[in-house]
Amino acid sequence: MPTLGAPAGAVLRGEKLVLRYGRTTVVHGVSVTLEPGRITALVGPNGSGKSTLLRALARLHRLEDGAVLLGEQPVSALTVRQFAQKVTLFTQSRHAPHGLTVSEVVAFGRHPHRRRFSGPSAHDREAIEQAMLATGTADKAERPVGELSGGEMQRVWLAACIAQETGVVLLDEPTNHLDLRYQIETLDLVRDLADQRGVAVGIVLHDLDHAARIADSIVLLHAGRVHAAGGPREVLTTEHLSEVYGLRVDVETDPQTGRLRIDPVGRHPAVRDLPATPKEKLA
């Protein structure tokens, strides 16, 4: 894994945000702070307001009340170009233009930093190459994106976000559509963004094990409000998770790794807990 560059991070804050769809309020006075070198995970059930909150931090959802600040400056005071030089957003809804290669799509990440009508600089080319190496897409640089699978395209868009080289990175379910290997590699890469580059990371995750794996702080949302916020061991508890998700969720510490292990309990026992069948006994 290549060592990533190190742009200085910045604090991005959402203060008492109220967000609506039409007349329906979906986020009720939520505050969240993303700090340089730290990963903040937004978790909670479907409809809890995670992605809407992330979009508001990225200036893509209108504020009914509250403010979003980058440092001490309201983000509304920045031009689109200025904001894109400081904050990157990875979303699930991007569509790749037909006829472009992987490297050309990754190069989109450099547009906020380039002068109009200018070609790519040596630094642009280096940032693009490093981003593709980091995401395992370098060997596909000249392939048309129309030939890629959904998981491969996911990594290409992630490479474009890394190539953008901003101090704040917002990620909406970056492990979605990826197989197990690339889920873990993506989580490691997000950790590298915080540790190596000092980036302030905000990430929406459905997988609570993933959140426990990489997050420095967690905001657990429920019905558009903060149910709990703090470190993973403060937030990812049996009490909090069982209440928010509406079923029993057992939380234990793995004795070998020391990591939290989160186990939702359904109506049926796990396969390992079932008695062996006669056929299995004979084997």
C-alpha atoms as a PDB file:
ATOM      1  CA  MET A   1       0.000   0.000   0.000  1.00  0.00           C
ATOM      2  CA  PRO A   2       1.587   3.347  -1.026  1.00  0.00           C
ATOM      3  CA  THR A   3       2.022   6.083   1.546  1.00  0.00           C
ATOM      4  CA  LEU A   4      -0.521   8.802   0.876  1.00  0.00           C
ATOM      5  CA  GLY A   5       0.273  12.510   0.707  1.00  0.00           C
ATOM      6  CA  ALA A   6      -0.456  14.703   3.709  1.00  0.00           C
ATOM      7  CA  PRO A   7      -2.771  17.676   3.170  1.00  0.00           C
ATOM      8  CA  ALA A   8      -3.629  19.408   6.447  1.00  0.00           C
ATOM      9  CA  GLY A   9      -7.024  18.465   7.810  1.00  0.00           C
ATOM     10  CA  ALA A  10      -9.670  20.899   8.977  1.00  0.00           C
ATOM     11  CA  VAL A  11     -12.520  20.725  11.476  1.00  0.00           C
ATOM     12  CA  LEU A  12     -15.954  20.366   9.874  1.00  0.00           C
ATOM     13  CA  ARG A  13     -18.879  20.952  12.231  1.00  0.00           C
ATOM     14  CA  GLY A  14     -22.604  20.649  11.906  1.00  0.00           C
ATOM     15  CA  GLU A  15     -24.306  22.631  14.664  1.00  0.00           C
ATOM     16  CA  LYS A  16     -27.889  21.882  15.728  1.00  0.00           C
ATOM     17  CA  LEU A  17     -28.888  20.807  12.224  1.00  0.00           C
ATOM     18  CA  VAL A  18     -32.563  20.515  11.364  1.00  0.00           C
ATOM     19  CA  LEU A  19     -33.213  18.840   8.005  1.00  0.00           C
ATOM     20  CA  ARG A  20     -36.442  18.137   6.168  1.00  0.00           C
ATOM     21  CA  TYR A  21     -37.879  16.403   3.152  1.00  0.00           C
ATOM     22  CA  GLY A  22     -40.902  18.490   2.257  1.00  0.00           C
ATOM     23  CA  ARG A  23     -42.818  19.012   5.490  1.00  0.00           C
ATOM     24  CA  THR A  24     -41.289  15.999   7.215  1.00  0.00           C
ATOM     25  CA  THR A  25     -38.405  16.684   9.593  1.00  0.00           C
ATOM     26  CA  VAL A  26     -35.879  13.859   9.336  1.00  0.00           C
ATOM     27  CA  VAL A  27     -33.021  15.285  11.425  1.00  0.00           C
ATOM     28  CA  HIS A  28     -33.833  17.092  14.668  1.00  0.00           C
ATOM     29  CA  GLY A  29     -31.157  19.446  16.011  1.00  0.00           C
ATOM     30  CA  VAL A  30     -28.177  17.135  15.502  1.00  0.00           C
ATOM     31  CA  SER A  31     -24.633  18.368  16.095  1.00  0.00           C
ATOM     32  CA  VAL A  32     -21.534  16.528  14.891  1.00  0.00           C
ATOM     33  CA  THR A  33     -17.837  17.441  14.714  1.00  0.00           C
ATOM     34  CA  LEU A  34     -15.285  15.890  12.350  1.00  0.00           C
ATOM     35  CA  GLU A  35     -11.722  16.418  13.544  1.00  0.00           C
ATOM     36  CA  PRO A  36      -8.396  16.080  11.696  1.00  0.00           C
ATOM     37  CA  GLY A  37      -6.834  12.642  11.981  1.00  0.00           C
ATOM     38  CA  ARG A  38     -10.009  11.065  13.366  1.00  0.00           C
ATOM     39  CA  ILE A  39     -12.769   8.902  11.885  1.00  0.00           C
ATOM     40  CA  THR A  40     -16.339   9.609  12.957  1.00  0.00           C
ATOM     41  CA  ALA A  41     -18.865   6.935  11.993  1.00  0.00           C
ATOM     42  CA  LEU A  42     -22.570   7.701  11.629  1.00  0.00           C
ATOM     43  CA  VAL A  43     -24.586   4.560  12.363  1.00  0.00           C
ATOM     44  CA  GLY A  44     -28.209   3.677  12.997  1.00  0.00           C
ATOM     45  CA  PRO A  45     -31.210   1.916  11.440  1.00  0.00           C
ATOM     46  CA  ASN A  46     -32.594   2.731   8.002  1.00  0.00           C
ATOM     47  CA  GLY A  47     -34.357   6.073   8.080  1.00  0.00           C
ATOM     48  CA  SER A  48     -32.408   7.361  11.070  1.00  0.00           C
ATOM     49  CA  GLY A  49     -30.983  10.301   9.086  1.00  0.00           C
ATOM     50  CA  LYS A  50     -27.376   9.155   8.551  1.00  0.00           C
ATOM     51  CA  SER A  51     -27.021   9.834   4.825  1.00  0.00           C
ATOM     52  CA  THR A  52     -29.148  12.988   4.985  1.00  0.00           C
ATOM     53  CA  LEU A  53     -26.875  14.366   7.691  1.00  0.00           C
ATOM     54  CA  LEU A  54     -23.789  13.519   5.625  1.00  0.00           C
ATOM     55  CA  ARG A  55     -25.285  15.261   2.577  1.00  0.00           C
ATOM     56  CA  ALA A  56     -25.994  18.349   4.671  1.00  0.00           C
ATOM     57  CA  LEU A  57     -22.346  18.450   5.773  1.00  0.00           C
ATOM     58  CA  ALA A  58     -21.457  18.294   2.060  1.00  0.00           C
ATOM     59  CA  ARG A  59     -23.804  21.214   1.194  1.00  0.00           C
ATOM     60  CA  LEU A  60     -26.110  18.923  -0.793  1.00  0.00           C
ATOM     61  CA  HIS A  61     -29.123  19.165   1.507  1.00  0.00           C
ATOM     62  CA  ARG A  62     -30.757  22.448   2.464  1.00  0.00           C
ATOM     63  CA  LEU A  63     -30.605  23.402   6.146  1.00  0.00           C
ATOM     64  CA  GLU A  64     -33.910  24.168   7.789  1.00  0.00           C
ATOM     65  CA  ASP A  65     -31.984  25.373  10.821  1.00  0.00           C
ATOM     66  CA  GLY A  66     -28.454  25.219  12.215  1.00  0.00           C
ATOM     67  CA  ALA A  67     -25.106  25.785  10.510  1.00  0.00           C
ATOM     68  CA  VAL A  68     -22.250  23.893   8.876  1.00  0.00           C
ATOM     69  CA  LEU A  69     -18.802  25.372   9.553  1.00  0.00           C
ATOM     70  CA  LEU A  70     -15.383  24.580   8.113  1.00  0.00           C
ATOM     71  CA  GLY A  71     -13.036  25.848  10.780  1.00  0.00           C
ATOM     72  CA  GLU A  72     -14.817  29.018  11.852  1.00  0.00           C
ATOM     73  CA  GLN A  73     -16.207  29.808   8.396  1.00  0.00           C
ATOM     74  CA  PRO A  74     -19.745  28.943   7.269  1.00  0.00           C
ATOM     75  CA  VAL A  75     -19.469  26.634   4.263  1.00  0.00           C
ATOM     76  CA  SER A  76     -22.118  28.758   2.539  1.00  0.00           C
ATOM     77  CA  ALA A  77     -19.456  31.493   2.210  1.00  0.00           C
ATOM     78  CA  LEU A  78     -17.305  29.241  -0.022  1.00  0.00           C
ATOM     79  CA  THR A  79     -17.673  28.885  -3.768  1.00  0.00           C
ATOM     80  CA  VAL A  80     -18.322  25.421  -5.176  1.00  0.00           C
ATOM     81  CA  ARG A  81     -14.702  25.234  -6.307  1.00  0.00           C
ATOM     82  CA  GLN A  82     -13.323  26.401  -2.941  1.00  0.00           C
ATOM     83  CA  PHE A  83     -15.459  23.883  -1.081  1.00  0.00           C
ATOM     84  CA  ALA A  84     -14.393  21.048  -3.418  1.00  0.00           C
ATOM     85  CA  GLN A  85     -10.751  21.887  -2.727  1.00  0.00           C
ATOM     86  CA  LYS A  86     -11.379  21.281   0.969  1.00  0.00           C
ATOM     87  CA  VAL A  87     -14.130  18.634   1.229  1.00  0.00           C
ATOM     88  CA  THR A  88     -14.657  15.395  -0.730  1.00  0.00           C
ATOM     89  CA  LEU A  89     -17.918  13.440  -0.815  1.00  0.00           C
ATOM     90  CA  PHE A  90     -18.209   9.783  -1.810  1.00  0.00           C
ATOM     91  CA  THR A  91     -21.812   8.796  -2.568  1.00  0.00           C
ATOM     92  CA  GLN A  92     -23.643   5.702  -3.790  1.00  0.00           C
ATOM     93  CA  SER A  93     -25.416   7.411  -6.692  1.00  0.00           C
ATOM     94  CA  ARG A  94     -22.627   8.340  -9.099  1.00  0.00           C
ATOM     95  CA  HIS A  95     -22.936   7.255 -12.710  1.00  0.00           C
ATOM     96  CA  ALA A  96     -19.808   6.758 -14.757  1.00  0.00           C
ATOM     97  CA  PRO A  97     -19.773   8.556 -18.130  1.00  0.00           C
ATOM     98  CA  HIS A  98     -19.637   6.164 -21.074  1.00  0.00           C
ATOM     99  CA  GLY A  99     -16.500   6.026 -23.163  1.00  0.00           C
ATOM    100  CA  LEU A 100     -14.055   7.045 -20.427  1.00  0.00           C
ATOM    101  CA  THR A 101     -11.228   4.970 -19.021  1.00  0.00           C
ATOM    102  CA  VAL A 102     -10.560   4.311 -15.368  1.00  0.00           C
ATOM    103  CA  SER A 103      -7.699   6.826 -15.210  1.00  0.00           C
ATOM    104  CA  GLU A 104      -9.874   9.497 -16.837  1.00  0.00           C
ATOM    105  CA  VAL A 105     -12.582   9.008 -14.207  1.00  0.00           C
ATOM    106  CA  VAL A 106     -10.051   9.098 -11.369  1.00  0.00           C
ATOM    107  CA  ALA A 107      -8.736  12.341 -12.875  1.00  0.00           C
ATOM    108  CA  PHE A 108     -12.109  13.964 -12.087  1.00  0.00           C
ATOM    109  CA  GLY A 109     -10.814  14.272  -8.541  1.00  0.00           C
ATOM    110  CA  ARG A 110      -8.194  16.780  -9.673  1.00  0.00           C
ATOM    111  CA  HIS A 111     -10.628  19.194 -11.379  1.00  0.00           C
ATOM    112  CA  PRO A 112     -11.116  21.504  -8.354  1.00  0.00           C
ATOM    113  CA  HIS A 113      -7.342  22.073  -8.239  1.00  0.00           C
ATOM    114  CA  ARG A 114      -6.754  22.706 -11.944  1.00  0.00           C
ATOM    115  CA  ARG A 115      -6.948  25.989 -13.758  1.00  0.00           C
ATOM    116  CA  ARG A 116      -9.514  26.268 -16.478  1.00  0.00           C
ATOM    117  CA  PHE A 117      -8.380  24.800 -19.815  1.00  0.00           C
ATOM    118  CA  SER A 118      -5.040  23.692 -18.298  1.00  0.00           C
ATOM    119  CA  GLY A 119      -3.689  20.186 -18.678  1.00  0.00           C
ATOM    120  CA  PRO A 120      -2.762  17.939 -15.755  1.00  0.00           C
ATOM    121  CA  SER A 121       0.351  18.929 -13.844  1.00  0.00           C
ATOM    122  CA  ALA A 122       3.035  16.538 -12.661  1.00  0.00           C
ATOM    123  CA  HIS A 123       1.426  16.629  -9.213  1.00  0.00           C
ATOM    124  CA  ASP A 124      -1.996  15.851 -10.724  1.00  0.00           C
ATOM    125  CA  ARG A 125      -0.589  12.788 -12.470  1.00  0.00           C
ATOM    126  CA  GLU A 126       1.162  11.638  -9.294  1.00  0.00           C
ATOM    127  CA  ALA A 127      -2.004  12.062  -7.198  1.00  0.00           C
ATOM    128  CA  ILE A 128      -4.013  10.060  -9.754  1.00  0.00           C
ATOM    129  CA  GLU A 129      -1.416   7.275  -9.882  1.00  0.00           C
ATOM    130  CA  GLN A 130      -1.145   7.042  -6.083  1.00  0.00           C
ATOM    131  CA  ALA A 131      -4.938   6.956  -5.705  1.00  0.00           C
ATOM    132  CA  MET A 132      -5.235   4.088  -8.194  1.00  0.00           C
ATOM    133  CA  LEU A 133      -2.437   2.169  -6.497  1.00  0.00           C
ATOM    134  CA  ALA A 134      -4.088   2.641  -3.109  1.00  0.00           C
ATOM    135  CA  THR A 135      -7.446   1.330  -4.334  1.00  0.00           C
ATOM    136  CA  GLY A 136      -6.153  -1.548  -6.436  1.00  0.00           C
ATOM    137  CA  THR A 137      -7.317  -0.011  -9.713  1.00  0.00           C
ATOM    138  CA  ALA A 138      -3.952   0.823 -11.305  1.00  0.00           C
ATOM    139  CA  ASP A 139      -3.961  -2.341 -13.419  1.00  0.00           C
ATOM    140  CA  LYS A 140      -7.261  -1.202 -14.946  1.00  0.00           C
ATOM    141  CA  ALA A 141      -6.106   2.337 -15.779  1.00  0.00           C
ATOM    142  CA  GLU A 142      -6.820   2.081 -19.525  1.00  0.00           C
ATOM    143  CA  ARG A 143      -9.954  -0.066 -19.319  1.00  0.00           C
ATOM    144  CA  PRO A 144     -13.276   1.556 -20.275  1.00  0.00           C
ATOM    145  CA  VAL A 145     -15.376   1.988 -17.150  1.00  0.00           C
ATOM    146  CA  GLY A 146     -18.332   0.445 -18.989  1.00  0.00           C
ATOM    147  CA  GLU A 147     -16.588  -2.934 -18.690  1.00  0.00           C
ATOM    148  CA  LEU A 148     -16.304  -2.805 -14.896  1.00  0.00           C
ATOM    149  CA  SER A 149     -18.424  -4.545 -12.290  1.00  0.00           C
ATOM    150  CA  GLY A 150     -20.269  -2.549  -9.657  1.00  0.00           C
ATOM    151  CA  GLY A 151     -17.627  -3.340  -7.058  1.00  0.00           C
ATOM    152  CA  GLU A 152     -14.792  -2.333  -9.381  1.00  0.00           C
ATOM    153  CA  MET A 153     -16.560   0.930 -10.197  1.00  0.00           C
ATOM    154  CA  GLN A 154     -16.982   1.573  -6.483  1.00  0.00           C
ATOM    155  CA  ARG A 155     -13.208   1.460  -6.079  1.00  0.00           C
ATOM    156  CA  VAL A 156     -12.676   3.749  -9.074  1.00  0.00           C
ATOM    157  CA  TRP A 157     -14.900   6.429  -7.537  1.00  0.00           C
ATOM    158  CA  LEU A 158     -13.089   5.998  -4.239  1.00  0.00           C
ATOM    159  CA  ALA A 159      -9.805   6.548  -6.089  1.00  0.00           C
ATOM    160  CA  ALA A 160     -11.227   9.782  -7.543  1.00  0.00           C
ATOM    161  CA  CYS A 161     -12.072  10.934  -4.017  1.00  0.00           C
ATOM    162  CA  ILE A 162      -8.550  10.182  -2.794  1.00  0.00           C
ATOM    163  CA  ALA A 163      -7.030  11.968  -5.801  1.00  0.00           C
ATOM    164  CA  GLN A 164      -8.995  15.082  -4.802  1.00  0.00           C
ATOM    165  CA  GLU A 165      -6.612  15.455  -1.829  1.00  0.00           C
ATOM    166  CA  THR A 166      -8.847  17.330   0.599  1.00  0.00           C
ATOM    167  CA  GLY A 167      -8.574  17.781   4.345  1.00  0.00           C
ATOM    168  CA  VAL A 168     -12.106  16.460   4.928  1.00  0.00           C
ATOM    169  CA  VAL A 169     -13.526  13.282   3.379  1.00  0.00           C
ATOM    170  CA  LEU A 170     -17.200  12.268   3.667  1.00  0.00           C
ATOM    171  CA  LEU A 171     -18.044   8.665   2.746  1.00  0.00           C
ATOM    172  CA  ASP A 172     -21.523   7.188   2.365  1.00  0.00           C
ATOM    173  CA  GLU A 173     -21.309   3.387   2.645  1.00  0.00           C
ATOM    174  CA  PRO A 174     -17.969   2.975   0.819  1.00  0.00           C
ATOM    175  CA  THR A 175     -17.913  -0.807   1.415  1.00  0.00           C
ATOM    176  CA  ASN A 176     -21.261  -1.392  -0.297  1.00  0.00           C
ATOM    177  CA  HIS A 177     -21.067  -3.776  -3.316  1.00  0.00           C
ATOM    178  CA  LEU A 178     -17.530  -4.857  -2.400  1.00  0.00           C
ATOM    179  CA  ASP A 179     -16.440  -8.408  -1.670  1.00  0.00           C
ATOM    180  CA  LEU A 180     -14.864  -9.272   1.681  1.00  0.00           C
ATOM    181  CA  ARG A 181     -11.283  -8.549   0.638  1.00  0.00           C
ATOM    182  CA  TYR A 182     -12.026  -5.101  -0.719  1.00  0.00           C
ATOM    183  CA  GLN A 183     -14.310  -4.234   2.192  1.00  0.00           C
ATOM    184  CA  ILE A 184     -11.388  -4.708   4.563  1.00  0.00           C
ATOM    185  CA  GLU A 185      -8.903  -3.012   2.232  1.00  0.00           C
ATOM    186  CA  THR A 186     -11.252  -0.039   1.910  1.00  0.00           C
ATOM    187  CA  LEU A 187     -11.586   0.241   5.693  1.00  0.00           C
ATOM    188  CA  ASP A 188      -7.788   0.093   6.006  1.00  0.00           C
ATOM    189  CA  LEU A 189      -7.497   2.802   3.363  1.00  0.00           C
ATOM    190  CA  VAL A 190      -9.942   5.039   5.236  1.00  0.00           C
ATOM    191  CA  ARG A 191      -7.834   4.506   8.367  1.00  0.00           C
ATOM    192  CA  ASP A 192      -4.746   5.512   6.352  1.00  0.00           C
ATOM    193  CA  LEU A 193      -6.448   8.752   5.259  1.00  0.00           C
ATOM    194  CA  ALA A 194      -6.833   9.748   8.894  1.00  0.00           C
ATOM    195  CA  ASP A 195      -3.491   8.439  10.158  1.00  0.00           C
ATOM    196  CA  GLN A 196      -1.162   9.306   7.265  1.00  0.00           C
ATOM    197  CA  ARG A 197      -2.792  12.450   5.905  1.00  0.00           C
ATOM    198  CA  GLY A 198      -4.452  13.875   9.003  1.00  0.00           C
ATOM    199  CA  VAL A 199      -7.788  13.928   7.193  1.00  0.00           C
ATOM    200  CA  ALA A 200     -11.055  14.479   9.080  1.00  0.00           C
ATOM    201  CA  VAL A 201     -13.265  11.562   8.031  1.00  0.00           C
ATOM    202  CA  GLY A 202     -17.030  11.236   8.354  1.00  0.00           C
ATOM    203  CA  ILE A 203     -18.383   7.855   7.264  1.00  0.00           C
ATOM    204  CA  VAL A 204     -21.860   6.330   7.118  1.00  0.00           C
ATOM    205  CA  LEU A 205     -21.826   2.606   7.848  1.00  0.00           C
ATOM    206  CA  HIS A 206     -24.541  -0.009   8.246  1.00  0.00           C
ATOM    207  CA  ASP A 207     -22.115  -2.705   9.371  1.00  0.00           C
ATOM    208  CA  LEU A 208     -21.511  -2.144  13.090  1.00  0.00           C
ATOM    209  CA  ASP A 209     -18.474  -4.446  13.086  1.00  0.00           C
ATOM    210  CA  HIS A 210     -16.921  -2.179  10.466  1.00  0.00           C
ATOM    211  CA  ALA A 211     -17.678   0.868  12.597  1.00  0.00           C
ATOM    212  CA  ALA A 212     -16.109  -0.784  15.641  1.00  0.00           C
ATOM    213  CA  ARG A 213     -13.080  -1.703  13.537  1.00  0.00           C
ATOM    214  CA  ILE A 214     -12.064   1.756  12.312  1.00  0.00           C
ATOM    215  CA  ALA A 215     -13.961   4.556  14.086  1.00  0.00           C
ATOM    216  CA  ASP A 216     -12.442   6.825  16.721  1.00  0.00           C
ATOM    217  CA  SER A 217     -15.881   8.156  17.582  1.00  0.00           C
ATOM    218  CA  ILE A 218     -19.399   7.020  16.747  1.00  0.00           C
ATOM    219  CA  VAL A 219     -22.689   8.884  16.482  1.00  0.00           C
ATOM    220  CA  LEU A 220     -25.637   6.498  16.879  1.00  0.00           C
ATOM    221  CA  LEU A 221     -28.750   8.005  15.317  1.00  0.00           C
ATOM    222  CA  HIS A 222     -32.332   6.977  15.898  1.00  0.00           C
ATOM    223  CA  ALA A 223     -35.361   8.651  14.296  1.00  0.00           C
ATOM    224  CA  GLY A 224     -33.284  11.674  13.340  1.00  0.00           C
ATOM    225  CA  ARG A 225     -31.830  12.277  16.809  1.00  0.00           C
ATOM    226  CA  VAL A 226     -28.552  11.401  18.506  1.00  0.00           C
ATOM    227  CA  HIS A 227     -29.203   8.396  20.732  1.00  0.00           C
ATOM    228  CA  ALA A 228     -25.569   8.112  21.863  1.00  0.00           C
ATOM    229  CA  ALA A 229     -22.204   9.585  20.885  1.00  0.00           C
ATOM    230  CA  GLY A 230     -18.645   8.874  21.982  1.00  0.00           C
ATOM    231  CA  GLY A 231     -16.021   6.175  21.592  1.00  0.00           C
ATOM    232  CA  PRO A 232     -16.966   2.764  20.160  1.00  0.00           C
ATOM    233  CA  ARG A 233     -17.112   1.093  23.591  1.00  0.00           C
ATOM    234  CA  GLU A 234     -19.343   3.862  24.941  1.00  0.00           C
ATOM    235  CA  VAL A 235     -21.792   3.740  22.039  1.00  0.00           C
ATOM    236  CA  LEU A 236     -21.773   0.164  20.761  1.00  0.00           C
ATOM    237  CA  THR A 237     -23.272  -1.415  23.857  1.00  0.00           C
ATOM    238  CA  THR A 238     -25.931  -4.077  24.192  1.00  0.00           C
ATOM    239  CA  GLU A 239     -28.251  -1.543  25.818  1.00  0.00           C
ATOM    240  CA  HIS A 240     -27.915   1.165  23.162  1.00  0.00           C
ATOM    241  CA  LEU A 241     -28.013  -1.143  20.138  1.00  0.00           C
ATOM    242  CA  SER A 242     -30.886  -3.298  21.391  1.00  0.00           C
ATOM    243  CA  GLU A 243     -33.004  -0.215  22.023  1.00  0.00           C
ATOM    244  CA  VAL A 244     -32.270   1.461  18.701  1.00  0.00           C
ATOM    245  CA  TYR A 245     -32.503  -1.614  16.435  1.00  0.00           C
ATOM    246  CA  GLY A 246     -35.464  -3.213  18.183  1.00  0.00           C
ATOM    247  CA  LEU A 247     -33.917  -6.633  18.805  1.00  0.00           C
ATOM    248  CA  ARG A 248     -31.398  -8.089  21.192  1.00  0.00           C
ATOM    249  CA  VAL A 249     -27.840  -7.265  20.186  1.00  0.00           C
ATOM    250  CA  ASP A 250     -25.077  -8.947  22.193  1.00  0.00           C
ATOM    251  CA  VAL A 251     -21.778  -7.069  22.358  1.00  0.00           C
ATOM    252  CA  GLU A 252     -18.622  -8.832  23.543  1.00  0.00           C
ATOM    253  CA  THR A 253     -14.878  -8.293  23.399  1.00  0.00           C
ATOM    254  CA  ASP A 254     -13.031 -10.861  21.306  1.00  0.00           C
ATOM    255  CA  PRO A 255     -10.477 -12.446  23.670  1.00  0.00           C
ATOM    256  CA  GLN A 256      -7.897 -12.902  20.904  1.00  0.00           C
ATOM    257  CA  THR A 257      -8.085  -9.557  19.066  1.00  0.00           C
ATOM    258  CA  GLY A 258      -9.497  -7.311  21.781  1.00  0.00           C
ATOM    259  CA  ARG A 259     -12.027  -5.985  19.272  1.00  0.00           C
ATOM    260  CA  LEU A 260     -15.719  -5.585  19.870  1.00  0.00           C
ATOM    261  CA  ARG A 261     -17.843  -8.401  18.472  1.00  0.00           C
ATOM    262  CA  ILE A 262     -21.451  -7.501  17.726  1.00  0.00           C
ATOM    263  CA  ASP A 263     -23.995 -10.292  17.440  1.00  0.00           C
ATOM    264  CA  PRO A 264     -27.664  -9.549  16.638  1.00  0.00           C
ATOM    265  CA  VAL A 265     -29.855 -12.324  18.031  1.00  0.00           C
ATOM    266  CA  GLY A 266     -32.699 -13.514  15.790  1.00  0.00           C
ATOM    267  CA  ARG A 267     -35.420 -16.109  16.261  1.00  0.00           C
ATOM    268  CA  HIS A 268     -33.223 -18.948  14.992  1.00  0.00           C
ATOM    269  CA  PRO A 269     -29.973 -20.085  16.603  1.00  0.00           C
ATOM    270  CA  ALA A 270     -26.724 -19.845  14.705  1.00  0.00           C
ATOM    271  CA  VAL A 271     -25.830 -22.960  12.698  1.00  0.00           C
ATOM    272  CA  ARG A 272     -22.862 -23.688  14.987  1.00  0.00           C
ATOM    273  CA  ASP A 273     -25.261 -23.977  17.929  1.00  0.00           C
ATOM    274  CA  LEU A 274     -27.436 -26.615  16.298  1.00  0.00           C
ATOM    275  CA  PRO A 275     -26.933 -30.279  17.234  1.00  0.00           C
ATOM    276  CA  ALA A 276     -25.192 -32.396  14.631  1.00  0.00           C
ATOM    277  CA  THR A 277     -27.421 -34.373  12.265  1.00  0.00           C
ATOM    278  CA  PRO A 278     -27.024 -38.170  12.047  1.00  0.00           C
ATOM    279  CA  LYS A 279     -25.156 -37.787   8.756  1.00  0.00           C
ATOM    280  CA  GLU A 280     -22.698 -35.337  10.316  1.00  0.00           C
ATOM    281  CA  LYS A 281     -22.122 -37.703  13.259  1.00  0.00           C
ATOM    282  CA  LEU A 282     -21.242 -40.542  10.890  1.00  0.00           C
ATOM    283  CA  ALA A 283     -18.798 -38.337   9.013  1.00  0.00           C
END
